[in-house]
């Protein structure tokens, strides 16, 4: 099942997508660092850790999308 399908099942997709499209690469990266630090500290409950993990996966995917787009722009610029 894709992430989109999972989010649709939870009913949170539309509001989350609206908020996430406004995150810049730097904001997503910084939040991802915070999520990783919280997970590494081990002070969260299992439920909170699972939510943080899901959030981290999403932020990682978002950052990778930004980086892929930047690579494509650079590649196109270098071909001209």
Protein backbone atom coordinates (compact mmCIF):
# COMPACT_ATOMS: atom_id res chain seq x y z
CA UNK A 1 0.00 0.00 0.00
CA UNK A 2 1.40 3.40 -0.94
CA UNK A 3 1.81 6.27 1.53
CA UNK A 4 -1.01 8.12 -0.24
CA UNK A 5 -3.35 5.17 0.23
CA UNK A 6 -2.35 4.88 3.89
CA UNK A 7 -3.00 8.57 4.51
CA UNK A 8 -6.34 8.37 2.70
CA UNK A 9 -7.37 5.58 5.05
CA UNK A 10 -6.53 7.80 8.00
CA UNK A 11 -8.46 10.74 6.54
CA UNK A 12 -5.62 13.20 7.16
CA UNK A 13 -4.25 13.45 3.63
CA UNK A 14 -5.85 16.66 2.34
CA UNK A 15 -5.04 18.86 5.33
CA UNK A 16 -1.54 17.39 5.65
CA UNK A 17 -0.79 17.89 1.96
CA UNK A 18 -1.96 21.51 2.13
CA UNK A 19 0.37 22.20 5.06
CA UNK A 20 3.31 20.23 3.68
CA UNK A 21 3.36 21.91 0.29
CA UNK A 22 4.25 25.09 2.14
CA UNK A 23 7.34 23.63 3.80
CA UNK A 24 10.58 24.68 2.20
CA UNK A 25 13.44 22.23 1.85
CA UNK A 26 15.22 23.88 4.75
CA UNK A 27 12.14 23.71 7.00
CA UNK A 28 11.58 20.04 6.18
CA UNK A 29 15.26 19.24 6.74
CA UNK A 30 15.35 21.05 10.07
CA UNK A 31 12.19 19.33 11.27
CA UNK A 32 13.61 15.98 10.16
CA UNK A 33 16.73 16.64 12.25
CA UNK A 34 14.51 17.41 15.25
CA UNK A 35 12.51 14.21 14.70
CA UNK A 36 15.67 12.10 14.46
CA UNK A 37 17.10 13.68 17.61
CA UNK A 38 13.89 12.97 19.53
CA UNK A 39 13.84 9.36 18.34
CA UNK A 40 17.50 8.88 19.23
CA UNK A 41 16.96 10.26 22.73
CA UNK A 42 14.57 7.39 23.47
CA UNK A 43 12.38 9.40 25.82
CA UNK A 44 9.15 9.01 23.86
CA UNK A 45 6.35 6.49 24.32
CA UNK A 46 5.95 3.75 21.74
CA UNK A 47 2.93 5.49 20.22
CA UNK A 48 4.76 8.83 20.01
CA UNK A 49 7.84 7.13 18.58
CA UNK A 50 5.72 5.55 15.85
CA UNK A 51 4.19 8.92 14.98
CA UNK A 52 7.61 10.53 14.93
CA UNK A 53 8.93 7.74 12.72
CA UNK A 54 6.06 8.24 10.25
CA UNK A 55 6.67 11.98 10.26
CA UNK A 56 10.36 11.43 9.69
CA UNK A 57 9.67 9.15 6.73
CA UNK A 58 7.40 11.76 5.21
CA UNK A 59 9.91 14.57 5.74
CA UNK A 60 12.70 12.44 4.28
CA UNK A 61 10.61 11.79 1.18
CA UNK A 62 9.79 15.49 0.88
CA UNK A 63 13.47 16.45 1.15
CA UNK A 64 14.42 13.84 -1.43
CA UNK A 65 11.78 15.25 -3.79
CA UNK A 66 13.25 18.74 -3.42
CA UNK A 67 16.76 17.41 -4.04
CA UNK A 68 15.67 15.40 -7.08
CA UNK A 69 14.03 18.48 -8.55
CA UNK A 70 17.19 20.51 -7.94
CA UNK A 71 19.32 17.82 -9.59
CA UNK A 72 17.03 17.85 -12.62
CA UNK A 73 17.32 21.64 -12.92
CA UNK A 74 21.11 21.46 -12.68
CA UNK A 75 21.28 18.66 -15.21
CA UNK A 76 19.10 20.62 -17.64
CA UNK A 77 21.22 23.75 -17.14
CA UNK A 78 24.42 21.82 -17.82
CA UNK A 79 23.03 20.39 -21.05
CA UNK A 80 22.42 23.82 -22.55
